[in-house]
Amino acid sequence: MVDNLTSKQRSYCMSRIRSKWTKQEKIIHNYLKAHKIKHKMHPNIYSHPDILLTDTKTAVFLHGCFWHKCPQHYIAPKSNKKYWLAKIQNNVKRDAEAKKILKSKSYKALTIWEHETKDIRNVLNKIAKYG
């Protein structure tokens, strides 16, 4: 499939995609901070989780439904399938390995999907149950 944007337009669009401080990270960070729950954003531990709850040694991963193959909302790409399917499968494999290694280092690993952040109470209940 041919790209319908110029290289300059595509570059601009791609530059807007962030790996840190996404909308969902900001929402959860602000809530944790407001409720005085100790946490670190983007800690420098294996697999670099989005949030580390320091009191309970819980690593929280905030996953996008497309990028990490959400069991409820994932829709396979329609174009450039060979590239995207391999990339997404590699993400899923890396996520499983990261959880396994964190568990061996006495961390709990919690995944929060992008669609779950729309209801902050749901996220907090999930964090409270896990922590």
Protein backbone atom coordinates (compact mmCIF):
# COMPACT_ATOMS: atom_id res chain seq x y z
CA MET A 1 0.00 0.00 0.00
CA VAL A 2 1.28 3.44 -0.92
CA ASP A 3 1.68 6.03 1.81
CA ASN A 4 -0.67 8.96 1.19
CA LEU A 5 1.48 11.40 3.17
CA THR A 6 4.67 13.10 2.12
CA SER A 7 7.82 12.10 3.96
CA LYS A 8 7.76 15.41 5.84
CA GLN A 9 4.13 14.87 6.94
CA ARG A 10 4.86 11.26 7.95
CA SER A 11 7.90 12.39 9.94
CA TYR A 12 5.80 14.96 11.79
CA CYS A 13 3.07 12.40 12.58
CA MET A 14 5.59 9.89 13.86
CA SER A 15 7.36 12.52 15.98
CA ARG A 16 4.11 13.05 17.91
CA ILE A 17 4.09 9.42 19.12
CA ARG A 18 5.70 9.23 22.53
CA SER A 19 7.12 6.29 24.44
CA LYS A 20 7.02 8.04 27.82
CA TRP A 21 4.46 10.25 29.52
CA THR A 22 1.56 9.11 27.40
CA LYS A 23 -1.97 10.23 28.23
CA GLN A 24 -2.72 7.06 30.19
CA GLU A 25 0.54 7.37 32.15
CA LYS A 26 -0.29 10.95 33.11
CA ILE A 27 -3.79 9.97 34.28
CA ILE A 28 -2.55 7.18 36.52
CA HIS A 29 0.46 9.17 37.78
CA ASN A 30 -1.73 12.09 38.79
CA TYR A 31 -4.11 9.82 40.65
CA LEU A 32 -1.32 7.95 42.48
CA LYS A 33 0.32 11.24 43.40
CA ALA A 34 -2.94 12.78 44.62
CA HIS A 35 -3.57 9.77 46.86
CA LYS A 36 0.02 9.74 48.14
CA ILE A 37 0.80 6.27 46.79
CA LYS A 38 4.57 5.89 46.51
CA HIS A 39 5.61 5.17 42.96
CA LYS A 40 8.31 5.82 40.39
CA MET A 41 7.63 6.60 36.78
CA HIS A 42 9.85 4.84 34.22
CA PRO A 43 12.19 3.19 36.75
CA ASN A 44 15.55 1.92 35.62
CA ILE A 45 14.96 -1.77 36.33
CA TYR A 46 14.83 -4.71 33.94
CA SER A 47 12.25 -4.29 31.17
CA HIS A 48 11.59 -0.65 32.14
CA PRO A 49 7.99 -0.81 33.37
CA ASP A 50 5.92 2.36 33.13
CA ILE A 51 5.32 2.58 36.89
CA LEU A 52 6.91 0.92 39.89
CA LEU A 53 4.90 0.82 43.11
CA THR A 54 7.82 0.92 45.53
CA ASP A 55 6.05 -0.28 48.69
CA THR A 56 4.76 -3.50 47.14
CA LYS A 57 7.51 -4.04 44.53
CA THR A 58 4.89 -4.09 41.78
CA ALA A 59 5.89 -3.25 38.21
CA VAL A 60 2.98 -1.81 36.26
CA PHE A 61 2.98 -2.02 32.47
CA LEU A 62 0.56 0.19 30.55
CA HIS A 63 0.01 -1.54 27.24
CA GLY A 64 -1.63 -0.21 24.10
CA CYS A 65 -4.27 -2.57 22.76
CA PHE A 66 -2.76 -2.72 19.26
CA TRP A 67 0.93 -2.81 20.13
CA HIS A 68 0.70 -5.57 22.72
CA LYS A 69 -2.20 -7.61 21.26
CA CYS A 70 -4.98 -6.98 23.77
CA PRO A 71 -7.14 -10.12 24.05
CA GLN A 72 -10.34 -8.03 23.87
CA HIS A 73 -9.60 -5.22 21.40
CA TYR A 74 -6.79 -6.32 19.11
CA ILE A 75 -7.54 -6.04 15.41
CA ALA A 76 -4.94 -7.46 13.06
CA PRO A 77 -3.48 -4.97 10.58
CA LYS A 78 -4.79 -5.11 7.04
CA SER A 79 -1.69 -3.86 5.26
CA ASN A 80 1.98 -4.81 5.50
CA LYS A 81 0.90 -7.86 7.52
CA LYS A 82 4.26 -9.62 7.40
CA TYR A 83 5.99 -6.69 9.13
CA TRP A 84 3.30 -5.82 11.67
CA LEU A 85 2.40 -9.34 12.74
CA ALA A 86 6.05 -10.17 13.37
CA LYS A 87 6.58 -6.91 15.30
CA ILE A 88 3.49 -7.37 17.48
CA GLN A 89 4.30 -11.03 18.14
CA ASN A 90 7.80 -9.99 19.22
CA ASN A 91 6.26 -7.45 21.65
CA VAL A 92 4.06 -10.17 23.17
CA LYS A 93 7.02 -12.52 23.52
CA ARG A 94 9.17 -9.79 25.13
CA ASP A 95 6.36 -8.90 27.55
CA ALA A 96 6.05 -12.53 28.72
CA GLU A 97 9.81 -12.81 29.19
CA ALA A 98 9.93 -9.52 31.14
CA LYS A 99 7.23 -10.71 33.53
CA LYS A 100 9.04 -14.00 34.06
CA ILE A 101 12.34 -12.26 34.88
CA LEU A 102 10.70 -9.69 37.17
CA LYS A 103 8.97 -12.51 39.03
CA SER A 104 12.32 -14.23 39.54
CA LYS A 105 13.60 -10.96 41.07
CA SER A 106 10.67 -10.86 43.56
CA TYR A 107 8.65 -8.25 41.68
CA LYS A 108 4.99 -8.54 40.87
CA ALA A 109 4.07 -7.62 37.30
CA LEU A 110 0.73 -6.03 36.48
CA THR A 111 -0.55 -5.20 33.02
CA ILE A 112 -3.08 -2.43 32.51
CA TRP A 113 -4.52 -2.19 29.03
CA GLU A 114 -5.17 1.08 27.26
CA HIS A 115 -8.95 0.56 27.25
CA GLU A 116 -8.98 0.02 31.04
CA THR A 117 -7.62 3.51 31.75
CA LYS A 118 -10.89 5.05 30.62
CA ASP A 119 -12.33 4.09 34.03
CA ILE A 120 -9.76 5.15 36.62
CA ARG A 121 -11.63 3.37 39.43
CA ASN A 122 -11.24 0.09 37.55
CA VAL A 123 -7.49 0.66 37.28
CA LEU A 124 -7.14 1.54 40.94
CA ASN A 125 -9.11 -1.51 42.02
CA LYS A 126 -6.83 -3.64 39.88
CA ILE A 127 -3.72 -2.03 41.41
CA ALA A 128 -5.12 -2.40 44.94
CA LYS A 129 -5.92 -6.10 44.43
CA TYR A 130 -2.51 -6.78 42.98
CA GLY A 131 -0.45 -4.74 45.42
